[in-house]
Amino acid sequence: LIAFNSWTKPDPLVRLIVAAADGSERRVIARLEGEDGHQRWSPDSTQIAYAERASDGDYDTYVYDLTTGETRFVTAGRIESWVDDDRILVS
């Protein structure tokens, strides 16, 4: 699988997309306003953490689970890296 950003014009939305390496089986996992999601794969490649701009101008970090298709809020702050398969470092 690959993860990539797709910008739509003139709309400022950025779509965070996961797809098979050949481009098939695309899934939009997040729609972000005008900004890259700073996404990071988990070490076991089953989850993607990404940051979204919060209403206060700061960031919130979310994790998308590729197995279940569910997204969960993790904490305020922006994802920096994964520590292991279950923990992330946020600044």
Foldseek 3Di string as FASTA:
>chain_A
DDWDWDADPPFQWIWIWDAPPVRPPIDGLDIAGNDDFPWDAAPVRQKIKTWHQDPVRFIWIWIAGNVVRDIDTDGTAGFDAAPHNPRTDGD
